[in-house]
Amino acid sequence: MERFDRVGESGRVPMLSLSSIDAEFVGLGQSWTKVAARLHDHGLVDSEAVRTCLHNEFYAQWIGNSDRHLGNVSMTVRDTGFALLPAYDMLPMIYAPERGEIIPRSINYPVRPMQHEDLWQHAGMVAQRFWGRVSQDARVSADFRKLADVNLVQIRKLMD
């Protein structure tokens, strides 16, 4: 995997969590998109960063990532503010084992929005590819592959 936080052999890219940026400049302590929108209002991020945060929130909802805190998004410093760094820690945490067991849970899929339907749609298509790959991966348990199939079918129904 290519590291996005390195430059050359020994250089590093400054990396700040959205949590720390929010604490300094906004103080919302809420969603990735809400904080990014406020940062945009202050001229500290561009509109594409806000759109990317919204897309990532939709995707996280489609795959059941229930661990969407501000520490899971990072930015780097630019002359005019901040730039969003690539997404990480994006996985279906709703299925995180408890005491070694996967607890059956239902994903609360994102509702089709009146605005930004393009982002909702694209994130749903990416989620379909994700669940499709999980359902076919021999490294994944048979039970979880079945669960991935259920999610894939459900997403397709919701997107039709």
N, C-alpha and C. Protein backbone atom coordinates (compact mmCIF):
# COMPACT_ATOMS: atom_id res chain seq x y z
N MET A 1 0.84 -1.17 0.00
CA MET A 1 0.00 0.00 0.00
C MET A 1 0.89 1.24 0.00
N GLU A 2 0.53 2.18 -0.82
CA GLU A 2 1.29 3.42 -0.87
C GLU A 2 0.86 4.34 0.27
N ARG A 3 1.82 4.83 1.01
CA ARG A 3 1.53 5.70 2.16
C ARG A 3 1.23 7.11 1.67
N PHE A 4 0.13 7.69 2.11
CA PHE A 4 -0.21 9.06 1.73
C PHE A 4 0.38 10.08 2.69
N ASP A 5 0.94 9.62 3.79
CA ASP A 5 1.47 10.52 4.81
C ASP A 5 2.99 10.62 4.78
N ARG A 6 3.60 10.18 3.67
CA ARG A 6 5.05 10.22 3.55
C ARG A 6 5.45 10.93 2.25
N VAL A 7 6.61 11.60 2.28
CA VAL A 7 7.17 12.25 1.10
C VAL A 7 8.63 11.84 1.03
N GLY A 8 9.04 11.26 -0.08
CA GLY A 8 10.42 10.82 -0.20
C GLY A 8 10.74 9.72 0.79
N GLU A 9 12.03 9.61 1.11
CA GLU A 9 12.45 8.52 2.00
C GLU A 9 12.24 8.82 3.48
N SER A 10 12.29 10.09 3.86
CA SER A 10 12.16 10.38 5.29
C SER A 10 11.22 11.54 5.61
N GLY A 11 10.55 12.08 4.62
CA GLY A 11 9.64 13.20 4.86
C GLY A 11 8.25 12.75 5.27
N ARG A 12 7.58 13.60 5.98
CA ARG A 12 6.23 13.30 6.44
C ARG A 12 5.27 14.42 6.03
N VAL A 13 4.05 14.04 5.78
CA VAL A 13 2.98 14.99 5.48
C VAL A 13 2.29 15.31 6.81
N PRO A 14 2.10 16.59 7.11
CA PRO A 14 1.37 16.91 8.35
C PRO A 14 -0.04 16.31 8.30
N MET A 15 -0.44 15.70 9.39
CA MET A 15 -1.73 15.02 9.45
C MET A 15 -2.41 15.37 10.76
N LEU A 16 -3.57 16.03 10.67
CA LEU A 16 -4.33 16.43 11.85
C LEU A 16 -5.70 15.79 11.79
N SER A 17 -6.19 15.30 12.91
CA SER A 17 -7.53 14.71 12.91
C SER A 17 -8.57 15.82 12.79
N LEU A 18 -9.70 15.46 12.19
CA LEU A 18 -10.80 16.42 12.10
C LEU A 18 -11.28 16.80 13.50
N SER A 19 -11.09 15.92 14.44
CA SER A 19 -11.45 16.20 15.83
C SER A 19 -10.66 17.39 16.38
N SER A 20 -9.35 17.39 16.14
CA SER A 20 -8.54 18.50 16.65
C SER A 20 -8.80 19.79 15.88
N ILE A 21 -9.04 19.70 14.58
CA ILE A 21 -9.34 20.90 13.78
C ILE A 21 -10.69 21.46 14.21
N ASP A 22 -11.65 20.58 14.43
CA ASP A 22 -12.97 21.01 14.91
C ASP A 22 -12.85 21.72 16.25
N ALA A 23 -12.08 21.15 17.16
CA ALA A 23 -11.92 21.74 18.49
C ALA A 23 -11.32 23.14 18.42
N GLU A 24 -10.41 23.36 17.48
CA GLU A 24 -9.75 24.66 17.36
C GLU A 24 -10.58 25.70 16.61
N PHE A 25 -11.26 25.29 15.54
CA PHE A 25 -11.88 26.27 14.65
C PHE A 25 -13.41 26.27 14.62
N VAL A 26 -14.05 25.20 15.03
CA VAL A 26 -15.50 25.11 14.87
C VAL A 26 -16.21 24.80 16.18
N GLY A 27 -15.87 23.68 16.81
CA GLY A 27 -16.47 23.31 18.08
C GLY A 27 -17.80 22.61 17.98
N LEU A 28 -18.09 21.95 16.87
CA LEU A 28 -19.37 21.23 16.73
C LEU A 28 -19.35 19.86 17.39
N GLY A 29 -18.27 19.13 17.20
CA GLY A 29 -18.19 17.78 17.74
C GLY A 29 -19.19 16.83 17.11
N GLN A 30 -19.63 17.13 15.88
CA GLN A 30 -20.66 16.31 15.23
C GLN A 30 -20.11 15.60 14.00
N SER A 31 -20.90 15.48 12.97
CA SER A 31 -20.55 14.67 11.80
C SER A 31 -19.42 15.26 10.97
N TRP A 32 -18.80 14.37 10.18
CA TRP A 32 -17.72 14.79 9.30
C TRP A 32 -18.18 15.93 8.38
N THR A 33 -19.37 15.75 7.80
CA THR A 33 -19.87 16.73 6.84
C THR A 33 -20.22 18.05 7.50
N LYS A 34 -20.83 18.02 8.67
CA LYS A 34 -21.19 19.27 9.35
C LYS A 34 -19.95 20.08 9.72
N VAL A 35 -18.93 19.40 10.20
CA VAL A 35 -17.69 20.10 10.55
C VAL A 35 -17.02 20.64 9.29
N ALA A 36 -16.95 19.82 8.25
CA ALA A 36 -16.34 20.27 6.99
C ALA A 36 -17.10 21.46 6.42
N ALA A 37 -18.42 21.44 6.50
CA ALA A 37 -19.22 22.58 5.99
C ALA A 37 -18.90 23.86 6.76
N ARG A 38 -18.77 23.75 8.07
CA ARG A 38 -18.41 24.93 8.87
C ARG A 38 -17.01 25.42 8.52
N LEU A 39 -16.08 24.48 8.34
CA LEU A 39 -14.72 24.86 7.93
C LEU A 39 -14.76 25.57 6.58
N HIS A 40 -15.61 25.09 5.69
CA HIS A 40 -15.78 25.73 4.38
C HIS A 40 -16.33 27.14 4.56
N ASP A 41 -17.30 27.32 5.44
CA ASP A 41 -17.86 28.65 5.72
C ASP A 41 -16.78 29.62 6.19
N HIS A 42 -15.78 29.11 6.88
CA HIS A 42 -14.66 29.93 7.37
C HIS A 42 -13.54 30.04 6.34
N GLY A 43 -13.72 29.44 5.17
CA GLY A 43 -12.70 29.50 4.13
C GLY A 43 -11.49 28.61 4.38
N LEU A 44 -11.65 27.58 5.21
CA LEU A 44 -10.52 26.73 5.59
C LEU A 44 -10.43 25.43 4.79
N VAL A 45 -11.51 25.03 4.11
CA VAL A 45 -11.48 23.88 3.20
C VAL A 45 -12.30 24.24 1.97
N ASP A 46 -12.03 23.53 0.88
CA ASP A 46 -12.79 23.80 -0.34
C ASP A 46 -14.09 23.00 -0.36
N SER A 47 -14.95 23.31 -1.30
CA SER A 47 -16.26 22.65 -1.37
C SER A 47 -16.13 21.16 -1.69
N GLU A 48 -15.06 20.78 -2.39
CA GLU A 48 -14.86 19.37 -2.71
C GLU A 48 -14.62 18.55 -1.44
N ALA A 49 -13.96 19.13 -0.45
CA ALA A 49 -13.75 18.42 0.82
C ALA A 49 -15.09 18.14 1.51
N VAL A 50 -16.00 19.09 1.43
CA VAL A 50 -17.33 18.90 2.03
C VAL A 50 -18.06 17.78 1.30
N ARG A 51 -18.02 17.81 -0.04
CA ARG A 51 -18.68 16.76 -0.84
C ARG A 51 -18.06 15.38 -0.55
N THR A 52 -16.75 15.33 -0.42
CA THR A 52 -16.09 14.05 -0.13
C THR A 52 -16.50 13.54 1.24
N CYS A 53 -16.58 14.42 2.22
CA CYS A 53 -17.03 13.99 3.56
C CYS A 53 -18.45 13.44 3.50
N LEU A 54 -19.32 14.11 2.75
CA LEU A 54 -20.70 13.63 2.62
C LEU A 54 -20.73 12.27 1.92
N HIS A 55 -19.98 12.14 0.85
CA HIS A 55 -19.89 10.85 0.14
C HIS A 55 -19.41 9.76 1.10
N ASN A 56 -18.37 10.06 1.87
CA ASN A 56 -17.83 9.08 2.80
C ASN A 56 -18.83 8.73 3.90
N GLU A 57 -19.63 9.71 4.33
CA GLU A 57 -20.66 9.40 5.33
C GLU A 57 -21.73 8.48 4.75
N PHE A 58 -22.15 8.77 3.51
CA PHE A 58 -23.11 7.87 2.87
C PHE A 58 -22.54 6.46 2.75
N TYR A 59 -21.30 6.37 2.27
CA TYR A 59 -20.67 5.05 2.12
C TYR A 59 -20.58 4.32 3.46
N ALA A 60 -20.16 5.05 4.48
CA ALA A 60 -20.05 4.45 5.82
C ALA A 60 -21.41 3.90 6.27
N GLN A 61 -22.48 4.63 5.98
CA GLN A 61 -23.81 4.14 6.34
C GLN A 61 -24.17 2.90 5.52
N TRP A 62 -23.87 2.91 4.23
CA TRP A 62 -24.19 1.76 3.37
C TRP A 62 -23.51 0.48 3.86
N ILE A 63 -22.29 0.59 4.39
CA ILE A 63 -21.58 -0.62 4.80
C ILE A 63 -21.71 -0.93 6.30
N GLY A 64 -22.40 -0.08 7.04
CA GLY A 64 -22.57 -0.34 8.46
C GLY A 64 -21.40 0.09 9.31
N ASN A 65 -20.70 1.15 8.89
CA ASN A 65 -19.61 1.67 9.71
C ASN A 65 -20.21 2.53 10.81
N SER A 66 -20.39 1.94 11.96
CA SER A 66 -21.01 2.64 13.09
C SER A 66 -19.97 3.40 13.93
N ASP A 67 -18.75 3.44 13.48
CA ASP A 67 -17.66 4.11 14.21
C ASP A 67 -17.21 5.35 13.43
N ARG A 68 -18.12 6.31 13.28
CA ARG A 68 -17.87 7.48 12.45
C ARG A 68 -17.60 8.71 13.32
N HIS A 69 -16.54 8.67 14.08
CA HIS A 69 -16.20 9.83 14.91
C HIS A 69 -15.21 10.73 14.18
N LEU A 70 -14.99 11.91 14.71
CA LEU A 70 -14.14 12.90 14.06
C LEU A 70 -12.66 12.53 14.06
N GLY A 71 -12.28 11.55 14.85
CA GLY A 71 -10.90 11.09 14.84
C GLY A 71 -10.59 10.18 13.66
N ASN A 72 -11.63 9.78 12.92
CA ASN A 72 -11.44 8.89 11.78
C ASN A 72 -11.34 9.63 10.45
N VAL A 73 -11.17 10.93 10.49
CA VAL A 73 -10.94 11.74 9.29
C VAL A 73 -9.74 12.62 9.59
N SER A 74 -8.85 12.72 8.61
CA SER A 74 -7.67 13.56 8.81
C SER A 74 -7.49 14.53 7.66
N MET A 75 -6.83 15.62 7.97
CA MET A 75 -6.53 16.65 6.98
C MET A 75 -5.06 17.02 7.10
N THR A 76 -4.57 17.64 6.04
CA THR A 76 -3.22 18.16 6.05
C THR A 76 -3.29 19.68 5.93
N VAL A 77 -2.23 20.34 6.29
CA VAL A 77 -2.19 21.80 6.28
C VAL A 77 -1.84 22.30 4.89
N ARG A 78 -2.54 23.31 4.44
CA ARG A 78 -2.27 24.00 3.18
C ARG A 78 -2.13 25.49 3.47
N ASP A 79 -1.60 26.23 2.53
CA ASP A 79 -1.44 27.67 2.72
C ASP A 79 -2.76 28.36 3.05
N THR A 80 -3.85 27.86 2.48
CA THR A 80 -5.15 28.51 2.67
C THR A 80 -6.04 27.78 3.67
N GLY A 81 -5.50 26.84 4.40
CA GLY A 81 -6.32 26.11 5.37
C GLY A 81 -5.93 24.65 5.42
N PHE A 82 -6.88 23.79 5.07
CA PHE A 82 -6.68 22.35 5.18
C PHE A 82 -7.16 21.62 3.94
N ALA A 83 -6.58 20.46 3.70
CA ALA A 83 -7.02 19.58 2.61
C ALA A 83 -7.28 18.20 3.19
N LEU A 84 -8.34 17.60 2.74
CA LEU A 84 -8.73 16.28 3.20
C LEU A 84 -7.72 15.23 2.73
N LEU A 85 -7.37 14.33 3.62
CA LEU A 85 -6.49 13.22 3.28
C LEU A 85 -7.36 12.00 2.95
N PRO A 86 -6.80 10.97 2.33
CA PRO A 86 -7.60 9.78 1.98
C PRO A 86 -8.29 9.16 3.20
N ALA A 87 -9.43 8.55 2.93
CA ALA A 87 -10.21 7.90 3.98
C ALA A 87 -9.47 6.68 4.52
N TYR A 88 -9.69 6.38 5.78
CA TYR A 88 -9.12 5.20 6.42
C TYR A 88 -10.07 4.74 7.51
N ASP A 89 -9.83 3.57 8.04
CA ASP A 89 -10.66 2.99 9.11
C ASP A 89 -12.13 2.94 8.70
N MET A 90 -12.35 2.57 7.44
CA MET A 90 -13.70 2.52 6.89
C MET A 90 -14.09 1.05 6.73
N LEU A 91 -14.81 0.53 7.72
CA LEU A 91 -15.20 -0.87 7.71
C LEU A 91 -16.51 -1.05 8.46
N PRO A 92 -17.19 -2.16 8.26
CA PRO A 92 -18.52 -2.37 8.86
C PRO A 92 -18.44 -2.71 10.36
N MET A 93 -18.19 -1.70 11.15
CA MET A 93 -18.03 -1.89 12.60
C MET A 93 -19.31 -2.38 13.30
N ILE A 94 -20.44 -2.26 12.63
CA ILE A 94 -21.67 -2.78 13.23
C ILE A 94 -21.55 -4.27 13.52
N TYR A 95 -20.66 -4.94 12.76
CA TYR A 95 -20.46 -6.37 12.94
C TYR A 95 -19.22 -6.72 13.76
N ALA A 96 -18.67 -5.75 14.45
CA ALA A 96 -17.49 -6.04 15.28
C ALA A 96 -17.88 -7.11 16.31
N PRO A 97 -17.06 -8.13 16.43
CA PRO A 97 -17.40 -9.21 17.37
C PRO A 97 -17.45 -8.71 18.82
N GLU A 98 -18.36 -9.29 19.54
CA GLU A 98 -18.45 -9.05 20.99
C GLU A 98 -18.19 -10.39 21.66
N ARG A 99 -17.15 -10.43 22.50
CA ARG A 99 -16.73 -11.66 23.17
C ARG A 99 -16.52 -12.79 22.17
N GLY A 100 -15.93 -12.43 21.01
CA GLY A 100 -15.59 -13.42 20.00
C GLY A 100 -16.72 -13.85 19.09
N GLU A 101 -17.89 -13.28 19.26
CA GLU A 101 -19.06 -13.66 18.46
C GLU A 101 -19.56 -12.48 17.65
N ILE A 102 -19.99 -12.76 16.43
CA ILE A 102 -20.63 -11.72 15.62
C ILE A 102 -22.11 -11.71 15.96
N ILE A 103 -22.58 -10.57 16.41
CA ILE A 103 -23.98 -10.41 16.80
C ILE A 103 -24.77 -9.97 15.56
N PRO A 104 -25.83 -10.69 15.21
CA PRO A 104 -26.63 -10.29 14.05
C PRO A 104 -27.25 -8.90 14.28
N ARG A 105 -26.99 -8.01 13.36
CA ARG A 105 -27.54 -6.66 13.45
C ARG A 105 -27.97 -6.22 12.07
N SER A 106 -28.87 -5.27 12.03
CA SER A 106 -29.33 -4.71 10.76
C SER A 106 -28.68 -3.35 10.55
N ILE A 107 -28.28 -3.11 9.33
CA ILE A 107 -27.69 -1.81 8.98
C ILE A 107 -28.81 -0.80 8.77
N ASN A 108 -28.63 0.38 9.28
CA ASN A 108 -29.54 1.50 9.00
C ASN A 108 -29.00 2.21 7.76
N TYR A 109 -29.47 1.77 6.60
CA TYR A 109 -28.99 2.33 5.34
C TYR A 109 -29.40 3.79 5.21
N PRO A 110 -28.62 4.57 4.47
CA PRO A 110 -28.96 5.99 4.33
C PRO A 110 -30.22 6.17 3.48
N VAL A 111 -31.05 7.08 3.89
CA VAL A 111 -32.27 7.42 3.16
C VAL A 111 -31.88 8.23 1.93
N ARG A 112 -32.56 7.97 0.81
CA ARG A 112 -32.30 8.74 -0.41
C ARG A 112 -32.56 10.21 -0.11
N PRO A 113 -31.54 11.05 -0.28
CA PRO A 113 -31.70 12.46 0.07
C PRO A 113 -32.35 13.27 -1.07
N MET A 114 -32.90 14.40 -0.72
CA MET A 114 -33.45 15.29 -1.74
C MET A 114 -32.33 16.07 -2.42
N GLN A 115 -31.25 16.31 -1.70
CA GLN A 115 -30.07 16.96 -2.26
C GLN A 115 -28.92 15.95 -2.25
N HIS A 116 -28.02 16.11 -3.18
CA HIS A 116 -26.81 15.27 -3.24
C HIS A 116 -27.13 13.81 -3.52
N GLU A 117 -28.19 13.56 -4.29
CA GLU A 117 -28.52 12.19 -4.63
C GLU A 117 -27.39 11.52 -5.41
N ASP A 118 -26.62 12.32 -6.16
CA ASP A 118 -25.49 11.76 -6.91
C ASP A 118 -24.47 11.12 -5.97
N LEU A 119 -24.20 11.75 -4.85
CA LEU A 119 -23.24 11.20 -3.88
C LEU A 119 -23.81 9.96 -3.20
N TRP A 120 -25.07 10.00 -2.86
CA TRP A 120 -25.76 8.86 -2.26
C TRP A 120 -25.70 7.66 -3.20
N GLN A 121 -26.02 7.91 -4.48
CA GLN A 121 -26.04 6.87 -5.49
C GLN A 121 -24.64 6.28 -5.69
N HIS A 122 -23.64 7.13 -5.83
CA HIS A 122 -22.28 6.65 -6.06
C HIS A 122 -21.78 5.86 -4.85
N ALA A 123 -22.02 6.37 -3.66
CA ALA A 123 -21.59 5.67 -2.46
C ALA A 123 -22.28 4.31 -2.36
N GLY A 124 -23.53 4.24 -2.76
CA GLY A 124 -24.24 2.97 -2.77
C GLY A 124 -23.65 1.98 -3.76
N MET A 125 -23.23 2.48 -4.92
CA MET A 125 -22.60 1.61 -5.92
C MET A 125 -21.26 1.09 -5.41
N VAL A 126 -20.50 1.95 -4.74
CA VAL A 126 -19.22 1.52 -4.16
C VAL A 126 -19.47 0.47 -3.06
N ALA A 127 -20.51 0.68 -2.27
CA ALA A 127 -20.86 -0.28 -1.22
C ALA A 127 -21.27 -1.62 -1.81
N GLN A 128 -21.96 -1.60 -2.95
CA GLN A 128 -22.31 -2.85 -3.62
C GLN A 128 -21.06 -3.61 -4.03
N ARG A 129 -20.09 -2.90 -4.57
CA ARG A 129 -18.82 -3.55 -4.94
C ARG A 129 -18.14 -4.13 -3.70
N PHE A 130 -18.17 -3.36 -2.60
CA PHE A 130 -17.57 -3.84 -1.35
C PHE A 130 -18.22 -5.14 -0.91
N TRP A 131 -19.56 -5.13 -0.76
CA TRP A 131 -20.25 -6.32 -0.26
C TRP A 131 -20.13 -7.47 -1.25
N GLY A 132 -20.09 -7.16 -2.56
CA GLY A 132 -19.89 -8.20 -3.55
C GLY A 132 -18.54 -8.89 -3.40
N ARG A 133 -17.52 -8.11 -3.15
CA ARG A 133 -16.18 -8.69 -2.94
C ARG A 133 -16.12 -9.50 -1.65
N VAL A 134 -16.73 -8.97 -0.59
CA VAL A 134 -16.74 -9.71 0.68
C VAL A 134 -17.45 -11.05 0.49
N SER A 135 -18.56 -11.03 -0.23
CA SER A 135 -19.35 -12.26 -0.40
C SER A 135 -18.61 -13.33 -1.20
N GLN A 136 -17.59 -12.93 -1.96
CA GLN A 136 -16.85 -13.87 -2.80
C GLN A 136 -15.47 -14.22 -2.23
N ASP A 137 -15.07 -13.61 -1.13
CA ASP A 137 -13.71 -13.77 -0.61
C ASP A 137 -13.62 -15.01 0.28
N ALA A 138 -12.81 -15.97 -0.15
CA ALA A 138 -12.67 -17.23 0.60
C ALA A 138 -12.04 -17.03 1.97
N ARG A 139 -11.39 -15.90 2.19
CA ARG A 139 -10.79 -15.64 3.51
C ARG A 139 -11.83 -15.27 4.56
N VAL A 140 -13.04 -14.98 4.09
CA VAL A 140 -14.13 -14.57 4.96
C VAL A 140 -14.97 -15.81 5.30
N SER A 141 -15.44 -15.89 6.54
CA SER A 141 -16.24 -17.05 6.96
C SER A 141 -17.50 -17.17 6.10
N ALA A 142 -17.98 -18.39 5.98
CA ALA A 142 -19.19 -18.65 5.19
C ALA A 142 -20.38 -17.86 5.72
N ASP A 143 -20.52 -17.79 7.04
CA ASP A 143 -21.64 -17.04 7.63
C ASP A 143 -21.57 -15.55 7.28
N PHE A 144 -20.37 -15.00 7.34
CA PHE A 144 -20.25 -13.57 7.03
C PHE A 144 -20.42 -13.32 5.53
N ARG A 145 -20.01 -14.27 4.69
CA ARG A 145 -20.25 -14.12 3.25
C ARG A 145 -21.75 -14.10 2.97
N LYS A 146 -22.52 -14.91 3.68
CA LYS A 146 -23.98 -14.89 3.54
C LYS A 146 -24.54 -13.53 3.95
N LEU A 147 -24.02 -13.01 5.05
CA LEU A 147 -24.44 -11.69 5.52
C LEU A 147 -24.11 -10.61 4.48
N ALA A 148 -22.95 -10.73 3.86
CA ALA A 148 -22.57 -9.79 2.80
C ALA A 148 -23.55 -9.87 1.63
N ASP A 149 -23.97 -11.08 1.28
CA ASP A 149 -24.96 -11.26 0.21
C ASP A 149 -26.28 -10.58 0.56
N VAL A 150 -26.71 -10.74 1.80
CA VAL A 150 -27.95 -10.10 2.26
C VAL A 150 -27.83 -8.58 2.11
N ASN A 151 -26.69 -8.03 2.53
CA ASN A 151 -26.50 -6.58 2.42
C ASN A 151 -26.48 -6.14 0.96
N LEU A 152 -25.83 -6.91 0.12
CA LEU A 152 -25.76 -6.58 -1.30
C LEU A 152 -27.16 -6.55 -1.91
N VAL A 153 -27.98 -7.54 -1.64
CA VAL A 153 -29.35 -7.58 -2.16
C VAL A 153 -30.16 -6.40 -1.63
N GLN A 154 -30.02 -6.11 -0.36
CA GLN A 154 -30.78 -5.02 0.26
C GLN A 154 -30.41 -3.66 -0.36
N ILE A 155 -29.12 -3.44 -0.58
CA ILE A 155 -28.68 -2.18 -1.17
C ILE A 155 -29.24 -2.05 -2.59
N ARG A 156 -29.19 -3.12 -3.35
CA ARG A 156 -29.74 -3.09 -4.72
C ARG A 156 -31.21 -2.73 -4.71
N LYS A 157 -31.97 -3.30 -3.78
CA LYS A 157 -33.41 -2.99 -3.67
C LYS A 157 -33.62 -1.51 -3.35
N LEU A 158 -32.85 -1.01 -2.41
CA LEU A 158 -33.02 0.38 -1.99
C LEU A 158 -32.63 1.39 -3.08
N MET A 159 -31.70 0.98 -3.93
CA MET A 159 -31.23 1.89 -4.96
C MET A 159 -32.09 1.86 -6.23
N ASP A 160 -32.95 0.86 -6.34
CA ASP A 160 -33.84 0.78 -7.53
C ASP A 160 -34.94 1.81 -7.48
